PDB file of N, CA and C in Angstrom:
ATOM      1  N   UNK A   1     104.821  89.279  89.699  1.00  0.00           N
ATOM      2  CA  UNK A   1     103.973  90.442  89.128  1.00  0.00           C
ATOM      3  C   UNK A   1     104.587  91.628  88.969  1.00  0.00           C
ATOM      4  N   UNK A   2     104.345  92.783  88.241  1.00  0.00           N
ATOM      5  CA  UNK A   2     104.977  93.681  87.919  1.00  0.00           C
ATOM      6  C   UNK A   2     104.497  94.782  89.044  1.00  0.00           C
ATOM      7  N   UNK A   3     104.594  94.689  90.174  1.00  0.00           N
ATOM      8  CA  UNK A   3     104.851  95.631  91.072  1.00  0.00           C
ATOM      9  C   UNK A   3     106.183  95.979  91.240  1.00  0.00           C
ATOM     10  N   UNK A   4     107.236  95.062  91.512  1.00  0.00           N
ATOM     11  CA  UNK A   4     108.647  95.335  91.780  1.00  0.00           C
ATOM     12  C   UNK A   4     108.708  96.407  90.546  1.00  0.00           C
ATOM     13  N   UNK A   5     108.656  96.017  89.193  1.00  0.00           N
ATOM     14  CA  UNK A   5     108.727  97.037  88.435  1.00  0.00           C
ATOM     15  C   UNK A   5     108.398  98.879  88.789  1.00  0.00           C
ATOM     16  N   UNK A   6     107.158  98.871  88.909  1.00  0.00           N
ATOM     17  CA  UNK A   6     106.678  99.876  89.459  1.00  0.00           C
ATOM     18  C   UNK A   6     107.061 100.526  90.320  1.00  0.00           C
ATOM     19  N   UNK A   7     107.474  99.925  91.247  1.00  0.00           N
ATOM     20  CA  UNK A   7     108.268 100.515  92.733  1.00  0.00           C
ATOM     21  C   UNK A   7     109.456 101.184  92.183  1.00  0.00           C
ATOM     22  N   UNK A   8     110.155 100.774  91.374  1.00  0.00           N
ATOM     23  CA  UNK A   8     111.512 101.203  90.976  1.00  0.00           C
ATOM     24  C   UNK A   8     111.474 102.738  90.328  1.00  0.00           C
ATOM     25  N   UNK A   9     110.227 102.683  89.615  1.00  0.00           N
ATOM     26  CA  UNK A   9     109.744 104.070  89.400  1.00  0.00           C
ATOM     27  C   UNK A   9     109.419 105.291  90.258  1.00  0.00           C
ATOM     28  N   UNK A  10     109.399 104.696  91.226  1.00  0.00           N
ATOM     29  CA  UNK A  10     108.925 105.527  92.347  1.00  0.00           C
ATOM     30  C   UNK A  10     110.146 106.179  93.081  1.00  0.00           C
ATOM     31  N   UNK A  11     110.036 107.466  93.496  1.00  0.00           N
ATOM     32  CA  UNK A  11     111.260 107.894  94.417  1.00  0.00           C
ATOM     33  C   UNK A  11     110.238 107.713  95.925  1.00  0.00           C
ATOM     34  N   UNK A  12     111.105 107.621  96.911  1.00  0.00           N
ATOM     35  CA  UNK A  12     110.853 107.640  98.468  1.00  0.00           C
ATOM     36  C   UNK A  12     110.081 108.358  98.767  1.00  0.00           C
ATOM     37  N   UNK A  13     109.051 108.120  99.140  1.00  0.00           N
ATOM     38  CA  UNK A  13     107.887 109.089  99.535  1.00  0.00           C
ATOM     39  C   UNK A  13     106.469 108.929  98.258  1.00  0.00           C
ATOM     40  N   UNK A  14     107.073 108.364  97.193  1.00  0.00           N
ATOM     41  CA  UNK A  14     106.070 108.638  95.889  1.00  0.00           C
ATOM     42  C   UNK A  14     104.826 107.773  95.982  1.00  0.00           C
ATOM     43  N   UNK A  15     103.750 108.091  95.305  1.00  0.00           N
ATOM     44  CA  UNK A  15     102.452 107.297  95.923  1.00  0.00           C
ATOM     45  C   UNK A  15     102.186 106.151  94.609  1.00  0.00           C
ATOM     46  N   UNK A  16     101.969 105.152  94.386  1.00  0.00           N
ATOM     47  CA  UNK A  16     101.283 104.120  93.593  1.00  0.00           C
ATOM     48  C   UNK A  16      99.667 103.822  93.684  1.00  0.00           C
ATOM     49  N   UNK A  17      99.283 104.195  92.813  1.00  0.00           N
ATOM     50  CA  UNK A  17      97.658 104.031  92.941  1.00  0.00           C
ATOM     51  C   UNK A  17      97.733 102.676  91.699  1.00  0.00           C
ATOM     52  N   UNK A  18      96.935 101.625  92.117  1.00  0.00           N
ATOM     53  CA  UNK A  18      96.679 100.530  91.485  1.00  0.00           C
ATOM     54  C   UNK A  18      95.491  99.943  91.117  1.00  0.00           C
ATOM     55  N   UNK A  19      94.311  99.511  90.272  1.00  0.00           N
ATOM     56  CA  UNK A  19      93.558  99.049  90.609  1.00  0.00           C
ATOM     57  C   UNK A  19      93.302  97.843  89.564  1.00  0.00           C
ATOM     58  N   UNK A  20      92.509  96.737  90.350  1.00  0.00           N
ATOM     59  CA  UNK A  20      92.877  95.479  89.236  1.00  0.00           C
ATOM     60  C   UNK A  20      91.701  94.536  90.279  1.00  0.00           C
ATOM     61  N   UNK A  21      91.116  93.425  89.025  1.00  0.00           N
ATOM     62  CA  UNK A  21      90.399  92.599  89.930  1.00  0.00           C
ATOM     63  C   UNK A  21      90.884  91.706  90.949  1.00  0.00           C
ATOM     64  N   UNK A  22      90.121  92.131  91.756  1.00  0.00           N
ATOM     65  CA  UNK A  22      90.856  91.118  92.962  1.00  0.00           C
ATOM     66  C   UNK A  22      89.855  89.629  93.519  1.00  0.00           C
ATOM     67  N   UNK A  23      90.166  88.836  94.539  1.00  0.00           N
ATOM     68  CA  UNK A  23      89.385  87.846  95.354  1.00  0.00           C
ATOM     69  C   UNK A  23      90.256  86.477  94.912  1.00  0.00           C
ATOM     70  N   UNK A  24      89.182  85.601  94.756  1.00  0.00           N
ATOM     71  CA  UNK A  24      90.359  84.096  94.228  1.00  0.00           C
ATOM     72  C   UNK A  24      91.013  84.248  93.164  1.00  0.00           C
ATOM     73  N   UNK A  25      92.216  84.056  93.387  1.00  0.00           N
ATOM     74  CA  UNK A  25      93.573  83.979  91.940  1.00  0.00           C
ATOM     75  C   UNK A  25      92.991  82.983  90.997  1.00  0.00           C
ATOM     76  N   UNK A  26      93.003  83.461  89.708  1.00  0.00           N
ATOM     77  CA  UNK A  26      92.605  82.869  88.654  1.00  0.00           C
ATOM     78  C   UNK A  26      92.390  83.542  87.290  1.00  0.00           C
ATOM     79  N   UNK A  27      92.623  83.068  86.289  1.00  0.00           N
ATOM     80  CA  UNK A  27      92.762  83.509  84.887  1.00  0.00           C
ATOM     81  C   UNK A  27      91.098  83.163  84.173  1.00  0.00           C
ATOM     82  N   UNK A  28      90.857  84.624  83.479  1.00  0.00           N
ATOM     83  CA  UNK A  28      89.643  84.521  82.872  1.00  0.00           C
ATOM     84  C   UNK A  28      89.836  85.186  81.449  1.00  0.00           C
ATOM     85  N   UNK A  29      89.054  84.254  80.610  1.00  0.00           N
ATOM     86  CA  UNK A  29      89.054  84.806  79.539  1.00  0.00           C
ATOM     87  C   UNK A  29      90.416  84.687  78.504  1.00  0.00           C
ATOM     88  N   UNK A  30      91.238  83.914  79.320  1.00  0.00           N
ATOM     89  CA  UNK A  30      92.927  83.932  78.823  1.00  0.00           C
ATOM     90  C   UNK A  30      93.758  85.102  79.052  1.00  0.00           C
ATOM     91  N   UNK A  31      92.846  86.201  79.213  1.00  0.00           N
ATOM     92  CA  UNK A  31      93.988  87.311  79.844  1.00  0.00           C
ATOM     93  C   UNK A  31      93.831  87.911  80.850  1.00  0.00           C
ATOM     94  N   UNK A  32      92.355  88.053  81.614  1.00  0.00           N
ATOM     95  CA  UNK A  32      92.168  88.761  82.422  1.00  0.00           C
ATOM     96  C   UNK A  32      92.474  88.233  84.258  1.00  0.00           C
ATOM     97  N   UNK A  33      93.575  88.435  84.325  1.00  0.00           N
ATOM     98  CA  UNK A  33      94.313  87.858  85.883  1.00  0.00           C
ATOM     99  C   UNK A  33      93.435  88.389  86.895  1.00  0.00           C
ATOM    100  N   UNK A  34      92.967  87.828  87.452  1.00  0.00           N
ATOM    101  CA  UNK A  34      92.297  88.010  89.046  1.00  0.00           C
ATOM    102  C   UNK A  34      93.155  87.857  89.933  1.00  0.00           C
ATOM    103  N   UNK A  35      93.894  88.723  90.663  1.00  0.00           N
ATOM    104  CA  UNK A  35      94.873  88.298  91.942  1.00  0.00           C
ATOM    105  C   UNK A  35      93.943  88.511  93.253  1.00  0.00           C
ATOM    106  N   UNK A  36      94.897  87.215  93.975  1.00  0.00           N
ATOM    107  CA  UNK A  36      94.325  87.657  95.565  1.00  0.00           C
ATOM    108  C   UNK A  36      95.297  88.906  96.188  1.00  0.00           C
ATOM    109  N   UNK A  37      94.175  89.503  96.852  1.00  0.00           N
ATOM    110  CA  UNK A  37      94.868  90.627  97.607  1.00  0.00           C
ATOM    111  C   UNK A  37      95.934  90.417  98.665  1.00  0.00           C
ATOM    112  N   UNK A  38      96.006  89.259  99.199  1.00  0.00           N
ATOM    113  CA  UNK A  38      97.223  88.914 100.162  1.00  0.00           C
ATOM    114  C   UNK A  38      98.285  88.781  99.332  1.00  0.00           C
ATOM    115  N   UNK A  39      98.680  88.214  97.923  1.00  0.00           N
ATOM    116  CA  UNK A  39      99.834  88.228  97.163  1.00  0.00           C
ATOM    117  C   UNK A  39      99.924  89.545  96.888  1.00  0.00           C
ATOM    118  N   UNK A  40      99.084  90.190  96.531  1.00  0.00           N
ATOM    119  CA  UNK A  40      99.209  91.825  95.655  1.00  0.00           C
ATOM    120  C   UNK A  40     100.325  92.299  97.081  1.00  0.00           C
ATOM    121  N   UNK A  41      99.704  92.314  98.136  1.00  0.00           N
ATOM    122  CA  UNK A  41      99.863  93.019  99.292  1.00  0.00           C
ATOM    123  C   UNK A  41     101.536  92.349  99.631  1.00  0.00           C
ATOM    124  N   UNK A  42     101.861  91.183  99.525  1.00  0.00           N
ATOM    125  CA  UNK A  42     102.804  90.582  99.793  1.00  0.00           C
ATOM    126  C   UNK A  42     104.022  91.098  98.784  1.00  0.00           C
ATOM    127  N   UNK A  43     103.392  91.204  97.859  1.00  0.00           N
ATOM    128  CA  UNK A  43     104.412  91.743  96.303  1.00  0.00           C
ATOM    129  C   UNK A  43     104.963  92.951  96.581  1.00  0.00           C
ATOM    130  N   UNK A  44     103.803  93.914  96.893  1.00  0.00           N
ATOM    131  CA  UNK A  44     103.964  95.337  96.979  1.00  0.00           C
ATOM    132  C   UNK A  44     105.190  95.164  98.453  1.00  0.00           C
ATOM    133  N   UNK A  45     104.982  94.802  99.830  1.00  0.00           N
ATOM    134  CA  UNK A  45     105.750  94.642 100.859  1.00  0.00           C
ATOM    135  C   UNK A  45     107.168  94.393 100.347  1.00  0.00           C
ATOM    136  N   UNK A  46     107.411  93.403  99.681  1.00  0.00           N
ATOM    137  CA  UNK A  46     108.593  92.949  99.249  1.00  0.00           C
ATOM    138  C   UNK A  46     109.250  94.115  98.290  1.00  0.00           C
ATOM    139  N   UNK A  47     108.545  95.041  97.623  1.00  0.00           N
ATOM    140  CA  UNK A  47     108.954  96.252  96.769  1.00  0.00           C
ATOM    141  C   UNK A  47     109.095  97.503  97.730  1.00  0.00           C
ATOM    142  N   UNK A  48     109.103  97.350  98.787  1.00  0.00           N
ATOM    143  CA  UNK A  48     109.197  98.559  99.923  1.00  0.00           C
ATOM    144  C   UNK A  48     108.287  99.503  99.736  1.00  0.00           C
ATOM    145  N   UNK A  49     107.272  98.950  99.576  1.00  0.00           N
ATOM    146  CA  UNK A  49     105.604  99.989  99.504  1.00  0.00           C
ATOM    147  C   UNK A  49     104.722  99.528 100.561  1.00  0.00           C
ATOM    148  N   UNK A  50     104.310 100.646 101.064  1.00  0.00           N
ATOM    149  CA  UNK A  50     103.374 100.476 102.446  1.00  0.00           C
ATOM    150  C   UNK A  50     101.873 100.682 101.977  1.00  0.00           C
ATOM    151  N   UNK A  51     101.182  99.751 102.489  1.00  0.00           N
ATOM    152  CA  UNK A  51      99.930 100.048 102.257  1.00  0.00           C
ATOM    153  C   UNK A  51      99.394 101.109 102.995  1.00  0.00           C
ATOM    154  N   UNK A  52      98.533 101.914 101.933  1.00  0.00           N
ATOM    155  CA  UNK A  52      97.822 102.966 102.958  1.00  0.00           C
ATOM    156  C   UNK A  52      96.341 102.673 102.773  1.00  0.00           C
ATOM    157  N   UNK A  53      95.728 102.101 101.923  1.00  0.00           N
ATOM    158  CA  UNK A  53      94.074 101.870 101.838  1.00  0.00           C
ATOM    159  C   UNK A  53      94.117 100.943 100.611  1.00  0.00           C
ATOM    160  N   UNK A  54      93.107 100.691 100.834  1.00  0.00           N
ATOM    161  CA  UNK A  54      92.696  99.719  99.870  1.00  0.00           C
ATOM    162  C   UNK A  54      90.744  99.800  99.567  1.00  0.00           C
ATOM    163  N   UNK A  55      90.132 100.326  98.977  1.00  0.00           N
ATOM    164  CA  UNK A  55      88.921 100.407  98.335  1.00  0.00           C
ATOM    165  C   UNK A  55      88.391  99.181  97.268  1.00  0.00           C
ATOM    166  N   UNK A  56      87.470  98.552  97.977  1.00  0.00           N
ATOM    167  CA  UNK A  56      86.936  97.394  97.003  1.00  0.00           C
ATOM    168  C   UNK A  56      85.685  98.068  96.542  1.00  0.00           C
ATOM    169  N   UNK A  57      85.202  97.450  95.432  1.00  0.00           N
ATOM    170  CA  UNK A  57      83.884  97.680  94.974  1.00  0.00           C
ATOM    171  C   UNK A  57      83.556  96.063  94.468  1.00  0.00           C
ATOM    172  N   UNK A  58      82.563  95.772  94.832  1.00  0.00           N
ATOM    173  CA  UNK A  58      82.049  94.722  94.783  1.00  0.00           C
ATOM    174  C   UNK A  58      80.896  94.566  93.607  1.00  0.00           C
ATOM    175  N   UNK A  59      80.524  93.179  93.099  1.00  0.00           N
ATOM    176  CA  UNK A  59      79.501  93.288  92.300  1.00  0.00           C
ATOM    177  C   UNK A  59      78.046  93.377  92.765  1.00  0.00           C
ATOM    178  N   UNK A  60      77.811  93.775  93.950  1.00  0.00           N
ATOM    179  CA  UNK A  60      76.680  94.537  94.246  1.00  0.00           C
ATOM    180  C   UNK A  60      76.721  96.006  94.051  1.00  0.00           C
ATOM    181  N   UNK A  61      77.671  96.751  93.627  1.00  0.00           N
ATOM    182  CA  UNK A  61      77.945  98.167  93.582  1.00  0.00           C
ATOM    183  C   UNK A  61      78.463  98.460  95.032  1.00  0.00           C
ATOM    184  N   UNK A  62      78.881  97.801  96.009  1.00  0.00           N
ATOM    185  CA  UNK A  62      79.341  98.290  97.295  1.00  0.00           C
ATOM    186  C   UNK A  62      80.364  98.540  97.785  1.00  0.00           C
ATOM    187  N   UNK A  63      80.711  99.812  97.885  1.00  0.00           N
ATOM    188  CA  UNK A  63      82.298 100.109  98.067  1.00  0.00           C
ATOM    189  C   UNK A  63      82.651  99.771  99.860  1.00  0.00           C
ATOM    190  N   UNK A  64      83.797  99.193  99.949  1.00  0.00           N
ATOM    191  CA  UNK A  64      84.218  98.960 101.115  1.00  0.00           C
ATOM    192  C   UNK A  64      85.625  99.481 101.340  1.00  0.00           C
ATOM    193  N   UNK A  65      85.890 100.491 102.340  1.00  0.00           N
ATOM    194  CA  UNK A  65      87.216 100.667 102.405  1.00  0.00           C
ATOM    195  C   UNK A  65      87.858 100.137 103.829  1.00  0.00           C
ATOM    196  N   UNK A  66      88.828  99.456 103.147  1.00  0.00           N
ATOM    197  CA  UNK A  66      89.888  98.378 104.384  1.00  0.00           C
ATOM    198  C   UNK A  66      90.768  99.576 104.232  1.00  0.00           C
ATOM    199  N   UNK A  67      91.026  99.932 106.082  1.00  0.00           N
ATOM    200  CA  UNK A  67      92.301 100.630 106.487  1.00  0.00           C
ATOM    201  C   UNK A  67      92.292 100.006 107.768  1.00  0.00           C
ATOM    202  N   UNK A  68      93.515  99.773 108.010  1.00  0.00           N
ATOM    203  CA  UNK A  68      94.574  99.287 106.974  1.00  0.00           C
ATOM    204  C   UNK A  68      94.135  97.910 106.551  1.00  0.00           C
ATOM    205  N   UNK A  69      94.384  97.266 105.564  1.00  0.00           N
ATOM    206  CA  UNK A  69      94.110  95.981 104.901  1.00  0.00           C
ATOM    207  C   UNK A  69      94.970  94.847 106.005  1.00  0.00           C
ATOM    208  N   UNK A  70      93.963  94.197 106.458  1.00  0.00           N
ATOM    209  CA  UNK A  70      94.550  93.136 107.507  1.00  0.00           C
ATOM    210  C   UNK A  70      94.378  91.875 107.052  1.00  0.00           C
ATOM    211  N   UNK A  71      95.334  90.897 107.289  1.00  0.00           N
ATOM    212  CA  UNK A  71      94.545  89.417 106.844  1.00  0.00           C
ATOM    213  C   UNK A  71      93.522  88.760 107.118  1.00  0.00           C
ATOM    214  N   UNK A  72      93.075  89.263 108.236  1.00  0.00           N
ATOM    215  CA  UNK A  72      91.578  88.424 108.537  1.00  0.00           C
ATOM    216  C   UNK A  72      90.173  89.308 107.197  1.00  0.00           C
ATOM    217  N   UNK A  73      90.628  90.577 106.977  1.00  0.00           N
ATOM    218  CA  UNK A  73      89.443  91.089 106.090  1.00  0.00           C
ATOM    219  C   UNK A  73      89.978  90.543 104.985  1.00  0.00           C
ATOM    220  N   UNK A  74      91.023  90.632 104.397  1.00  0.00           N
ATOM    221  CA  UNK A  74      91.514  89.931 103.025  1.00  0.00           C
ATOM    222  C   UNK A  74      91.253  88.477 103.129  1.00  0.00           C
ATOM    223  N   UNK A  75      91.403  87.864 104.009  1.00  0.00           N
ATOM    224  CA  UNK A  75      90.725  86.487 104.111  1.00  0.00           C
ATOM    225  C   UNK A  75      89.403  86.432 103.485  1.00  0.00           C
ATOM    226  N   UNK A  76      88.697  87.004 103.894  1.00  0.00           N
ATOM    227  CA  UNK A  76      87.174  87.192 103.557  1.00  0.00           C
ATOM    228  C   UNK A  76      87.231  87.624 102.560  1.00  0.00           C
ATOM    229  N   UNK A  77      87.524  88.640 102.176  1.00  0.00           N
ATOM    230  CA  UNK A  77      87.750  89.059 100.525  1.00  0.00           C
ATOM    231  C   UNK A  77      87.797  88.305  99.538  1.00  0.00           C
ATOM    232  N   UNK A  78      88.927  87.090  99.722  1.00  0.00           N
ATOM    233  CA  UNK A  78      89.088  86.086  98.741  1.00  0.00           C
ATOM    234  C   UNK A  78      88.326  85.143  98.636  1.00  0.00           C
ATOM    235  N   UNK A  79      87.573  85.330  99.486  1.00  0.00           N
ATOM    236  CA  UNK A  79      86.066  84.162  99.085  1.00  0.00           C
ATOM    237  C   UNK A  79      85.152  84.353  98.058  1.00  0.00           C
ATOM    238  N   UNK A  80      84.717  85.956  98.040  1.00  0.00           N
ATOM    239  CA  UNK A  80      84.163  86.388  96.985  1.00  0.00           C
ATOM    240  C   UNK A  80      84.609  85.921  95.684  1.00  0.00           C
ATOM    241  N   UNK A  81      83.333  85.708  94.668  1.00  0.00           N
ATOM    242  CA  UNK A  81      83.471  85.593  93.336  1.00  0.00           C
ATOM    243  C   UNK A  81      84.499  86.715  92.391  1.00  0.00           C
ATOM    244  N   UNK A  82      84.254  88.088  92.718  1.00  0.00           N
ATOM    245  CA  UNK A  82      84.909  88.826  91.531  1.00  0.00           C
ATOM    246  C   UNK A  82      84.627  90.169  92.543  1.00  0.00           C
ATOM    247  N   UNK A  83      85.484  91.347  92.620  1.00  0.00           N
ATOM    248  CA  UNK A  83      85.641  92.401  92.899  1.00  0.00           C
ATOM    249  C   UNK A  83      86.618  93.187  92.330  1.00  0.00           C
ATOM    250  N   UNK A  84      86.587  94.503  92.455  1.00  0.00           N
ATOM    251  CA  UNK A  84      87.494  95.444  91.868  1.00  0.00           C
ATOM    252  C   UNK A  84      88.096  96.187  93.268  1.00  0.00           C
ATOM    253  N   UNK A  85      89.450  95.963  93.299  1.00  0.00           N
ATOM    254  CA  UNK A  85      90.613  96.514  94.321  1.00  0.00           C
ATOM    255  C   UNK A  85      91.180  97.631  93.901  1.00  0.00           C
ATOM    256  N   UNK A  86      91.129  98.909  94.542  1.00  0.00           N
ATOM    257  CA  UNK A  86      91.899  99.963  94.369  1.00  0.00           C
ATOM    258  C   UNK A  86      93.062 100.325  95.695  1.00  0.00           C
ATOM    259  N   UNK A  87      93.968  99.765  95.239  1.00  0.00           N
ATOM    260  CA  UNK A  87      95.006  99.818  96.355  1.00  0.00           C
ATOM    261  C   UNK A  87      95.800 101.510  96.215  1.00  0.00           C
ATOM    262  N   UNK A  88      96.477 101.534  97.445  1.00  0.00           N
ATOM    263  CA  UNK A  88      97.057 103.050  97.594  1.00  0.00           C
ATOM    264  C   UNK A  88      98.686 102.803  98.315  1.00  0.00           C
ATOM    265  N   UNK A  89      99.700 102.994  97.707  1.00  0.00           N
ATOM    266  CA  UNK A  89     101.031 102.580  98.383  1.00  0.00           C
ATOM    267  C   UNK A  89     101.793 103.787  98.278  1.00  0.00           C
ATOM    268  N   UNK A  90     102.694 103.617  99.313  1.00  0.00           N
ATOM    269  CA  UNK A  90     103.749 104.641  99.412  1.00  0.00           C
ATOM    270  C   UNK A  90     105.269 103.919  99.373  1.00  0.00           C
ATOM    271  N   UNK A  91     106.031 104.285  98.591  1.00  0.00           N
ATOM    272  CA  UNK A  91     107.279 103.836  98.534  1.00  0.00           C
ATOM    273  C   UNK A  91     107.944 104.251  99.946  1.00  0.00           C
ATOM    274  N   UNK A  92     108.659 103.692 100.688  1.00  0.00           N
ATOM    275  CA  UNK A  92     109.285 103.564 102.211  1.00  0.00           C
ATOM    276  C   UNK A  92     110.405 103.727 101.731  1.00  0.00           C
ATOM    277  N   UNK A  93     111.300 103.144 101.023  1.00  0.00           N
ATOM    278  CA  UNK A  93     112.530 102.889 101.094  1.00  0.00           C
ATOM    279  C   UNK A  93     113.522 103.774 100.107  1.00  0.00           C
ATOM    280  N   UNK A  94     114.622 104.013  99.817  1.00  0.00           N
ATOM    281  CA  UNK A  94     115.096 104.225  98.678  1.00  0.00           C
ATOM    282  C   UNK A  94     115.222 103.857  97.641  1.00  0.00           C
ATOM    283  N   UNK A  95     115.778 102.617  97.696  1.00  0.00           N
ATOM    284  CA  UNK A  95     115.400 101.653  96.734  1.00  0.00           C
ATOM    285  C   UNK A  95     116.228 102.011  95.348  1.00  0.00           C
ATOM    286  N   UNK A  96     115.955 101.594  94.553  1.00  0.00           N
ATOM    287  CA  UNK A  96     116.438 101.833  92.988  1.00  0.00           C
ATOM    288  C   UNK A  96     115.308 102.718  92.410  1.00  0.00           C
ATOM    289  N   UNK A  97     115.669 103.445  91.674  1.00  0.00           N
ATOM    290  CA  UNK A  97     114.831 104.707  91.128  1.00  0.00           C
ATOM    291  C   UNK A  97     115.319 104.918  89.488  1.00  0.00           C
ATOM    292  N   UNK A  98     114.477 104.778  88.596  1.00  0.00           N
ATOM    293  CA  UNK A  98     114.446 104.857  87.321  1.00  0.00           C
ATOM    294  C   UNK A  98     114.093 106.181  87.099  1.00  0.00           C
ATOM    295  N   UNK A  99     114.509 107.164  86.747  1.00  0.00           N
ATOM    296  CA  UNK A  99     114.102 108.137  86.151  1.00  0.00           C
ATOM    297  C   UNK A  99     115.571 109.498  86.601  1.00  0.00           C
TER     298      UNK A  99
END
């Protein structure tokens, strides 16, 4: 995932807002990657990003705010067919900063 590269662009305390299709991991129409939210959070954690909030817009147009994003909530979300996830992360460590 490119989350590691995005995290390198942030200073400690910087915020990353990521909007992407989520639920069951797959590729649609050859280029549209749909990611499992658990994998996104795992990659973000490895990159030194702390999740603050996850807002989900599902096919019925219902907004769900998942705070904090916990595994049981994410496992139930991963069973849906399609949803849009808006992740809010904060860079926790100093790490490498490009700028």
